[in-house]
Every structure is written in C-alpha cells, then in structure tokens.
C-alpha cells in the first residue's frame, strides 16, 4: 500500500464515521521556480502534516507514513512547532492507528 492509498482510506473512514472536518494541504509535488516562489509567498510551509482534522474542541495534525517511511527534517520541525503550541500531532502508519486516535 502507498502513503496516498492509506491517506485516502483515512479520509473516507473519517468522512463516513466521524463528525468534524478533515482535509489535506497539497504541499508536495514538483513546481517550477516561479510557482514555488508564489506558493511560499502566499503561505505554503514545508513539512506541514498530510492531514488536518478538526473536531469539537480539538485539532489534530496527522502525518501519514507507510511501514518504513520516515519524516523529513521539515516534517520533524513542523511537528515540534505544533506540539510546542499545545496541539496533537500523530505519525500514523495504519487505518487502525488512525481510528484509535479518533
């Protein structure tokens, strides 16, 4: 299973069974230099988690990785910043882990 497939399963699970909002921030992919510069100037941030979940009085940041996936330095920095601000950040490797968090 790819990270994209796992992420799709998580989004479907949430939207079918939980209340709140779940969304992705399309931060990856290749960009030409002008587009990359414009995205950065308008608020794009390297390392942002794959999914953001908003529930009643709770915001969760979720980084999706398959079994052997590792976080980049930018993802670790983002995680540290989120946790310093008092929010929950999870590195999730399966649908079951995701459901347990919710």
N, C-alpha and C. Protein backbone atom coordinates (compact mmCIF):
# COMPACT_ATOMS: atom_id res chain seq x y z
N UNK A 1 0.84 -1.18 0.00
CA UNK A 1 0.00 0.00 0.00
C UNK A 1 0.88 1.24 0.00
N UNK A 2 0.48 2.24 -0.75
CA UNK A 2 1.23 3.51 -0.79
C UNK A 2 0.70 4.45 0.30
N UNK A 3 1.47 5.50 0.58
CA UNK A 3 1.00 6.50 1.54
C UNK A 3 -0.27 7.17 1.04
N UNK A 4 -0.36 7.42 -0.26
CA UNK A 4 -1.55 8.04 -0.83
C UNK A 4 -2.78 7.16 -0.63
N UNK A 5 -2.63 5.85 -0.81
CA UNK A 5 -3.75 4.93 -0.63
C UNK A 5 -4.19 4.89 0.83
N UNK A 6 -3.22 4.86 1.75
CA UNK A 6 -3.54 4.87 3.17
C UNK A 6 -4.25 6.17 3.54
N UNK A 7 -3.76 7.27 3.04
CA UNK A 7 -4.37 8.56 3.33
C UNK A 7 -5.81 8.60 2.81
N UNK A 8 -6.04 8.07 1.63
CA UNK A 8 -7.40 8.01 1.08
C UNK A 8 -8.32 7.20 1.99
N UNK A 9 -7.84 6.08 2.48
CA UNK A 9 -8.64 5.24 3.39
C UNK A 9 -9.00 6.03 4.65
N UNK A 10 -8.04 6.78 5.16
CA UNK A 10 -8.27 7.54 6.38
C UNK A 10 -9.31 8.63 6.16
N UNK A 11 -9.22 9.32 5.04
CA UNK A 11 -10.19 10.38 4.73
C UNK A 11 -11.59 9.79 4.58
N UNK A 12 -11.71 8.68 3.86
CA UNK A 12 -13.01 8.03 3.68
C UNK A 12 -13.57 7.57 5.02
N UNK A 13 -12.75 6.95 5.84
CA UNK A 13 -13.17 6.49 7.16
C UNK A 13 -13.71 7.65 7.99
N UNK A 14 -12.96 8.75 8.02
CA UNK A 14 -13.38 9.89 8.83
C UNK A 14 -14.69 10.46 8.31
N UNK A 15 -14.76 10.71 7.02
CA UNK A 15 -15.96 11.34 6.46
C UNK A 15 -17.20 10.47 6.59
N UNK A 16 -17.03 9.16 6.62
CA UNK A 16 -18.17 8.26 6.75
C UNK A 16 -18.59 8.00 8.20
N UNK A 17 -17.69 8.20 9.15
CA UNK A 17 -17.97 7.74 10.51
C UNK A 17 -17.75 8.75 11.64
N UNK A 18 -17.25 9.93 11.34
CA UNK A 18 -16.95 10.88 12.40
C UNK A 18 -17.48 12.26 12.04
N UNK A 19 -17.67 13.08 13.07
CA UNK A 19 -18.09 14.47 12.86
C UNK A 19 -16.86 15.35 12.88
N UNK A 20 -16.91 16.39 12.08
CA UNK A 20 -15.80 17.33 12.03
C UNK A 20 -15.33 17.51 10.61
N UNK A 21 -14.15 18.06 10.48
CA UNK A 21 -13.54 18.32 9.19
C UNK A 21 -12.21 17.58 9.08
N UNK A 22 -11.94 17.08 7.90
CA UNK A 22 -10.63 16.50 7.61
C UNK A 22 -10.23 17.02 6.24
N UNK A 23 -8.98 17.47 6.13
CA UNK A 23 -8.52 17.97 4.84
C UNK A 23 -7.00 17.83 4.72
N UNK A 24 -6.57 17.85 3.48
CA UNK A 24 -5.14 17.77 3.17
C UNK A 24 -4.66 19.14 2.71
N UNK A 25 -3.40 19.38 2.97
CA UNK A 25 -2.75 20.58 2.47
C UNK A 25 -1.81 20.12 1.36
N UNK A 26 -2.15 20.41 0.09
CA UNK A 26 -1.32 19.92 -1.02
C UNK A 26 0.00 20.66 -1.08
N UNK A 27 0.96 20.15 -0.33
CA UNK A 27 2.24 20.84 -0.15
C UNK A 27 3.36 20.23 -0.98
N UNK A 28 3.17 19.02 -1.48
CA UNK A 28 4.25 18.34 -2.20
C UNK A 28 4.16 18.53 -3.70
N UNK A 29 4.92 17.74 -4.40
CA UNK A 29 4.90 17.77 -5.86
C UNK A 29 5.96 18.69 -6.42
N UNK A 30 6.20 18.54 -7.71
CA UNK A 30 7.19 19.40 -8.33
C UNK A 30 6.55 20.69 -8.82
N UNK A 31 7.28 21.73 -8.69
CA UNK A 31 6.81 23.05 -9.07
C UNK A 31 7.91 23.75 -9.85
N UNK A 32 7.50 24.56 -10.79
CA UNK A 32 8.52 25.38 -11.44
C UNK A 32 8.92 26.48 -10.46
N UNK A 33 10.08 27.11 -10.65
CA UNK A 33 10.59 28.07 -9.67
C UNK A 33 9.63 29.23 -9.38
N UNK A 34 8.94 29.72 -10.38
CA UNK A 34 8.02 30.85 -10.16
C UNK A 34 6.83 30.41 -9.31
N UNK A 35 6.27 29.26 -9.65
CA UNK A 35 5.14 28.74 -8.88
C UNK A 35 5.55 28.45 -7.43
N UNK A 36 6.72 27.84 -7.24
CA UNK A 36 7.22 27.55 -5.90
C UNK A 36 7.38 28.83 -5.08
N UNK A 37 7.93 29.86 -5.70
CA UNK A 37 8.11 31.14 -5.01
C UNK A 37 6.76 31.74 -4.62
N UNK A 38 5.80 31.72 -5.55
CA UNK A 38 4.48 32.27 -5.27
C UNK A 38 3.77 31.50 -4.15
N UNK A 39 3.89 30.17 -4.15
CA UNK A 39 3.28 29.37 -3.09
C UNK A 39 3.89 29.72 -1.73
N UNK A 40 5.19 29.88 -1.69
CA UNK A 40 5.85 30.22 -0.44
C UNK A 40 5.41 31.61 0.05
N UNK A 41 5.32 32.55 -0.87
CA UNK A 41 4.90 33.91 -0.51
C UNK A 41 3.45 33.96 -0.03
N UNK A 42 2.63 33.02 -0.47
CA UNK A 42 1.23 33.03 -0.07
C UNK A 42 0.94 32.06 1.09
N UNK A 43 1.99 31.55 1.73
CA UNK A 43 1.81 30.81 2.97
C UNK A 43 2.13 29.33 2.95
N UNK A 44 2.58 28.80 1.83
CA UNK A 44 2.97 27.39 1.81
C UNK A 44 4.13 27.19 2.78
N UNK A 45 4.11 26.07 3.48
CA UNK A 45 5.12 25.80 4.51
C UNK A 45 5.61 24.37 4.39
N UNK A 46 6.89 24.19 4.20
CA UNK A 46 7.47 22.86 4.11
C UNK A 46 7.24 22.09 5.40
N UNK A 47 6.89 20.81 5.27
CA UNK A 47 6.77 19.95 6.43
C UNK A 47 5.38 19.85 7.03
N UNK A 48 4.42 20.63 6.51
CA UNK A 48 3.06 20.57 7.06
C UNK A 48 2.54 19.14 6.96
N UNK A 49 1.81 18.73 7.99
CA UNK A 49 1.30 17.35 8.03
C UNK A 49 0.38 17.07 6.85
N UNK A 50 0.26 15.78 6.51
CA UNK A 50 -0.56 15.36 5.38
C UNK A 50 -2.03 15.69 5.58
N UNK A 51 -2.51 15.51 6.80
CA UNK A 51 -3.92 15.76 7.09
C UNK A 51 -4.06 16.64 8.32
N UNK A 52 -5.11 17.44 8.31
CA UNK A 52 -5.51 18.21 9.48
C UNK A 52 -6.95 17.82 9.78
N UNK A 53 -7.19 17.46 11.04
CA UNK A 53 -8.51 17.03 11.47
C UNK A 53 -9.00 18.03 12.51
N UNK A 54 -10.21 18.54 12.30
CA UNK A 54 -10.82 19.46 13.25
C UNK A 54 -12.08 18.82 13.78
N UNK A 55 -12.10 18.59 15.08
CA UNK A 55 -13.26 18.05 15.77
C UNK A 55 -13.65 19.03 16.87
N UNK A 56 -14.74 18.75 17.54
CA UNK A 56 -15.20 19.61 18.62
C UNK A 56 -14.06 19.85 19.61
N UNK A 57 -13.62 21.08 19.73
CA UNK A 57 -12.57 21.49 20.68
C UNK A 57 -11.26 20.75 20.51
N UNK A 58 -10.95 20.28 19.29
CA UNK A 58 -9.71 19.53 19.08
C UNK A 58 -9.23 19.70 17.64
N UNK A 59 -7.96 19.96 17.50
CA UNK A 59 -7.32 19.99 16.19
C UNK A 59 -6.18 18.97 16.22
N UNK A 60 -6.17 18.09 15.22
CA UNK A 60 -5.18 17.02 15.16
C UNK A 60 -4.40 17.15 13.86
N UNK A 61 -3.11 17.06 13.94
CA UNK A 61 -2.24 17.06 12.77
C UNK A 61 -1.75 15.62 12.56
N UNK A 62 -1.93 15.09 11.34
CA UNK A 62 -1.63 13.69 11.08
C UNK A 62 -0.65 13.58 9.92
N UNK A 63 0.49 12.99 10.18
CA UNK A 63 1.47 12.67 9.14
C UNK A 63 1.30 11.20 8.79
N UNK A 64 1.08 10.91 7.52
CA UNK A 64 0.83 9.55 7.05
C UNK A 64 2.13 8.96 6.50
N UNK A 65 2.50 7.82 7.04
CA UNK A 65 3.68 7.10 6.55
C UNK A 65 3.35 5.61 6.47
N UNK A 66 3.88 4.96 5.46
CA UNK A 66 3.76 3.51 5.42
C UNK A 66 4.85 2.93 6.32
N UNK A 67 4.90 1.63 6.41
CA UNK A 67 5.73 0.94 7.41
C UNK A 67 7.15 1.50 7.54
N UNK A 68 7.83 1.71 6.43
CA UNK A 68 9.24 2.10 6.51
C UNK A 68 9.47 3.58 6.25
N UNK A 69 8.39 4.35 6.10
CA UNK A 69 8.54 5.77 5.83
C UNK A 69 9.09 6.53 7.02
N UNK A 70 9.91 7.53 6.75
CA UNK A 70 10.47 8.37 7.82
C UNK A 70 10.16 9.83 7.53
N UNK A 71 10.09 10.61 8.58
CA UNK A 71 9.82 12.03 8.44
C UNK A 71 11.06 12.77 7.92
N UNK A 72 10.80 13.78 7.13
CA UNK A 72 11.87 14.66 6.69
C UNK A 72 12.22 15.62 7.84
N UNK A 73 13.33 16.31 7.71
CA UNK A 73 13.70 17.30 8.72
C UNK A 73 12.62 18.38 8.85
N UNK A 74 12.05 18.80 7.72
CA UNK A 74 11.00 19.82 7.74
C UNK A 74 9.75 19.31 8.46
N UNK A 75 9.42 18.04 8.29
CA UNK A 75 8.26 17.46 8.97
C UNK A 75 8.49 17.37 10.47
N UNK A 76 9.70 17.03 10.87
CA UNK A 76 10.03 16.97 12.30
C UNK A 76 9.96 18.37 12.90
N UNK A 77 10.46 19.37 12.20
CA UNK A 77 10.40 20.75 12.67
C UNK A 77 8.95 21.19 12.82
N UNK A 78 8.10 20.87 11.84
CA UNK A 78 6.69 21.22 11.92
C UNK A 78 6.05 20.53 13.13
N UNK A 79 6.33 19.24 13.32
CA UNK A 79 5.80 18.51 14.47
C UNK A 79 6.20 19.19 15.78
N UNK A 80 7.46 19.54 15.91
CA UNK A 80 7.93 20.20 17.14
C UNK A 80 7.19 21.51 17.38
N UNK A 81 7.00 22.30 16.33
CA UNK A 81 6.30 23.58 16.46
C UNK A 81 4.84 23.37 16.88
N UNK A 82 4.18 22.41 16.26
CA UNK A 82 2.78 22.11 16.59
C UNK A 82 2.66 21.68 18.06
N UNK A 83 3.53 20.80 18.49
CA UNK A 83 3.47 20.30 19.86
C UNK A 83 3.82 21.39 20.87
N UNK A 84 4.76 22.28 20.54
CA UNK A 84 5.09 23.39 21.43
C UNK A 84 3.89 24.33 21.61
N UNK A 85 3.04 24.40 20.59
CA UNK A 85 1.83 25.23 20.66
C UNK A 85 0.67 24.50 21.36
N UNK A 86 0.90 23.25 21.77
CA UNK A 86 -0.08 22.53 22.55
C UNK A 86 -1.06 21.68 21.75
N UNK A 87 -0.78 21.44 20.48
CA UNK A 87 -1.68 20.64 19.66
C UNK A 87 -1.17 19.21 19.52
N UNK A 88 -2.10 18.31 19.16
CA UNK A 88 -1.76 16.91 18.96
C UNK A 88 -1.23 16.68 17.55
N UNK A 89 -0.15 15.93 17.46
CA UNK A 89 0.47 15.55 16.19
C UNK A 89 0.71 14.05 16.25
N UNK A 90 0.29 13.36 15.21
CA UNK A 90 0.46 11.90 15.19
C UNK A 90 1.11 11.46 13.88
N UNK A 91 2.04 10.56 14.01
CA UNK A 91 2.61 9.85 12.87
C UNK A 91 1.84 8.54 12.78
N UNK A 92 1.07 8.35 11.71
CA UNK A 92 0.15 7.23 11.60
C UNK A 92 0.57 6.32 10.45
N UNK A 93 0.61 5.01 10.74
CA UNK A 93 1.05 4.03 9.75
C UNK A 93 -0.03 3.03 9.35
N UNK A 94 -1.23 3.17 9.91
CA UNK A 94 -2.30 2.24 9.53
C UNK A 94 -3.66 2.89 9.80
N UNK A 95 -4.67 2.36 9.15
CA UNK A 95 -6.03 2.83 9.38
C UNK A 95 -6.45 2.56 10.82
N UNK A 96 -6.03 1.44 11.36
CA UNK A 96 -6.38 1.09 12.74
C UNK A 96 -5.80 2.12 13.74
N UNK A 97 -4.56 2.53 13.52
CA UNK A 97 -3.95 3.56 14.37
C UNK A 97 -4.76 4.85 14.30
N UNK A 98 -5.16 5.22 13.09
CA UNK A 98 -5.92 6.44 12.89
C UNK A 98 -7.25 6.38 13.65
N UNK A 99 -7.95 5.26 13.52
CA UNK A 99 -9.23 5.12 14.21
C UNK A 99 -9.05 5.17 15.73
N UNK A 100 -7.98 4.60 16.24
CA UNK A 100 -7.73 4.62 17.68
C UNK A 100 -7.49 6.04 18.19
N UNK A 101 -6.88 6.88 17.38
CA UNK A 101 -6.63 8.28 17.75
C UNK A 101 -7.95 9.05 17.84
N UNK A 102 -8.86 8.75 16.91
CA UNK A 102 -10.13 9.46 16.87
C UNK A 102 -11.03 9.05 18.01
